[in-house]
Amino acid sequence: HNRKKKSLAIHLTPHLRQVLSPVVLNYYLDRGGKNTGDAIDYSQYRKADLSVEIWEMLEMLEMYGGEGVYETIKLMVPTYQSICYP
């Protein structure tokens, strides 16, 4: 499974700026802390919360994408916290 993630990250790395489009990221990442009040958020059950998927993708890219990936992610997503560096 990790081999697939590493392969995907290596192939996506040259296209990070397009993948990390600020408009798309800001829209979905800002929705990550959405307040549903008393309502039930069924997207959690289906694991369909796109903001969570985006954060997982960023972490995978940082882990397996190679040199300079963290800097590119941080440039495009200033609120991103590294999982590899303290």
C-alpha atoms as a PDB file:
ATOM      1  CA  HIS A   1       0.000   0.000   0.000  1.00  0.00           C
ATOM      2  CA  ASN A   2       2.853   2.409   0.856  1.00  0.00           C
ATOM      3  CA  ARG A   3       4.502   1.600  -2.466  1.00  0.00           C
ATOM      4  CA  LYS A   4       1.387   2.842  -4.290  1.00  0.00           C
ATOM      5  CA  LYS A   5       1.331   6.036  -2.204  1.00  0.00           C
ATOM      6  CA  LYS A   6       5.013   6.642  -2.900  1.00  0.00           C
ATOM      7  CA  SER A   7       4.526   6.101  -6.631  1.00  0.00           C
ATOM      8  CA  LEU A   8       1.537   8.441  -6.709  1.00  0.00           C
ATOM      9  CA  ALA A   9       3.403  11.123  -4.750  1.00  0.00           C
ATOM     10  CA  ILE A  10       6.426  10.898  -7.052  1.00  0.00           C
ATOM     11  CA  HIS A  11       4.220  11.309 -10.129  1.00  0.00           C
ATOM     12  CA  LEU A  12       2.200  14.187  -8.642  1.00  0.00           C
ATOM     13  CA  THR A  13       5.203  16.147  -7.336  1.00  0.00           C
ATOM     14  CA  PRO A  14       6.069  17.859 -10.661  1.00  0.00           C
ATOM     15  CA  HIS A  15       2.457  19.085 -10.847  1.00  0.00           C
ATOM     16  CA  LEU A  16       2.101  20.329  -7.265  1.00  0.00           C
ATOM     17  CA  ARG A  17       1.334  23.926  -8.178  1.00  0.00           C
ATOM     18  CA  GLN A  18      -1.589  22.845 -10.338  1.00  0.00           C
ATOM     19  CA  VAL A  19      -2.808  20.274  -7.803  1.00  0.00           C
ATOM     20  CA  LEU A  20      -2.557  22.793  -4.973  1.00  0.00           C
ATOM     21  CA  SER A  21      -4.593  25.494  -6.668  1.00  0.00           C
ATOM     22  CA  PRO A  22      -5.216  28.124  -3.967  1.00  0.00           C
ATOM     23  CA  VAL A  23      -8.835  28.677  -4.943  1.00  0.00           C
ATOM     24  CA  VAL A  24      -9.756  25.001  -4.648  1.00  0.00           C
ATOM     25  CA  LEU A  25      -7.720  24.407  -1.498  1.00  0.00           C
ATOM     26  CA  ASN A  26      -9.006  27.452   0.340  1.00  0.00           C
ATOM     27  CA  TYR A  27     -12.589  26.558  -0.476  1.00  0.00           C
ATOM     28  CA  TYR A  28     -12.363  22.996   0.793  1.00  0.00           C
ATOM     29  CA  LEU A  29      -9.916  23.476   3.654  1.00  0.00           C
ATOM     30  CA  ASP A  30     -11.946  26.349   5.096  1.00  0.00           C
ATOM     31  CA  ARG A  31     -14.953  24.033   5.173  1.00  0.00           C
ATOM     32  CA  GLY A  32     -13.001  21.507   7.262  1.00  0.00           C
ATOM     33  CA  GLY A  33     -14.130  23.057  10.531  1.00  0.00           C
ATOM     34  CA  LYS A  34     -17.749  23.361   9.498  1.00  0.00           C
ATOM     35  CA  ASN A  35     -20.316  23.735  12.227  1.00  0.00           C
ATOM     36  CA  THR A  36     -23.270  21.435  11.688  1.00  0.00           C
ATOM     37  CA  GLY A  37     -24.945  22.350  14.979  1.00  0.00           C
ATOM     38  CA  ASP A  38     -27.240  19.516  16.059  1.00  0.00           C
ATOM     39  CA  ALA A  39     -27.385  18.038  12.572  1.00  0.00           C
ATOM     40  CA  ILE A  40     -25.700  14.769  11.708  1.00  0.00           C
ATOM     41  CA  ASP A  41     -22.881  15.005   9.174  1.00  0.00           C
ATOM     42  CA  TYR A  42     -23.321  11.839   7.118  1.00  0.00           C
ATOM     43  CA  SER A  43     -20.204  12.608   5.060  1.00  0.00           C
ATOM     44  CA  GLN A  44     -18.141  11.450   8.049  1.00  0.00           C
ATOM     45  CA  TYR A  45     -19.837   8.066   7.901  1.00  0.00           C
ATOM     46  CA  ARG A  46     -19.151   7.736   4.176  1.00  0.00           C
ATOM     47  CA  LYS A  47     -15.642   9.174   4.637  1.00  0.00           C
ATOM     48  CA  ALA A  48     -16.596  11.743   2.021  1.00  0.00           C
ATOM     49  CA  ASP A  49     -15.290  14.872   3.754  1.00  0.00           C
ATOM     50  CA  LEU A  50     -13.128  16.368   1.033  1.00  0.00           C
ATOM     51  CA  SER A  51     -11.172  18.605   3.418  1.00  0.00           C
ATOM     52  CA  VAL A  52      -9.964  15.507   5.307  1.00  0.00           C
ATOM     53  CA  GLU A  53      -9.034  13.827   2.023  1.00  0.00           C
ATOM     54  CA  ILE A  54      -7.043  16.911   0.955  1.00  0.00           C
ATOM     55  CA  TRP A  55      -5.100  16.990   4.232  1.00  0.00           C
ATOM     56  CA  GLU A  56      -4.318  13.279   3.884  1.00  0.00           C
ATOM     57  CA  MET A  57      -3.113  13.885   0.325  1.00  0.00           C
ATOM     58  CA  LEU A  58      -0.834  16.723   1.501  1.00  0.00           C
ATOM     59  CA  GLU A  59       0.645  14.496   4.184  1.00  0.00           C
ATOM     60  CA  MET A  60       1.218  11.692   1.676  1.00  0.00           C
ATOM     61  CA  LEU A  61       2.885  14.112  -0.741  1.00  0.00           C
ATOM     62  CA  GLU A  62       5.145  15.424   2.013  1.00  0.00           C
ATOM     63  CA  MET A  63       6.152  11.932   3.136  1.00  0.00           C
ATOM     64  CA  TYR A  64       6.841  10.433  -0.285  1.00  0.00           C
ATOM     65  CA  GLY A  65       7.143  13.324  -2.750  1.00  0.00           C
ATOM     66  CA  GLY A  66      10.831  13.980  -2.354  1.00  0.00           C
ATOM     67  CA  GLU A  67      12.968  17.044  -1.825  1.00  0.00           C
ATOM     68  CA  GLY A  68      11.310  20.445  -1.810  1.00  0.00           C
ATOM     69  CA  VAL A  69       7.740  19.180  -1.537  1.00  0.00           C
ATOM     70  CA  TYR A  70       7.181  20.564   1.960  1.00  0.00           C
ATOM     71  CA  GLU A  71       8.302  24.028   0.873  1.00  0.00           C
ATOM     72  CA  THR A  72       5.926  23.970  -2.092  1.00  0.00           C
ATOM     73  CA  ILE A  73       3.028  22.802   0.058  1.00  0.00           C
ATOM     74  CA  LYS A  74       3.766  25.479   2.677  1.00  0.00           C
ATOM     75  CA  LEU A  75       3.937  28.153  -0.016  1.00  0.00           C
ATOM     76  CA  MET A  76       0.539  27.177  -1.416  1.00  0.00           C
ATOM     77  CA  VAL A  77      -1.115  26.285   1.933  1.00  0.00           C
ATOM     78  CA  PRO A  78       0.336  28.562   4.651  1.00  0.00           C
ATOM     79  CA  THR A  79      -1.680  26.830   7.404  1.00  0.00           C
ATOM     80  CA  TYR A  80      -0.169  23.406   6.644  1.00  0.00           C
ATOM     81  CA  GLN A  81       1.770  21.866   9.531  1.00  0.00           C
ATOM     82  CA  SER A  82       4.527  19.405   8.671  1.00  0.00           C
ATOM     83  CA  ILE A  83       4.225  15.804   9.783  1.00  0.00           C
ATOM     84  CA  CYS A  84       7.910  15.137   9.060  1.00  0.00           C
ATOM     85  CA  TYR A  85       9.570  18.171  10.669  1.00  0.00           C
ATOM     86  CA  PRO A  86       9.114  19.350  14.251  1.00  0.00           C
END
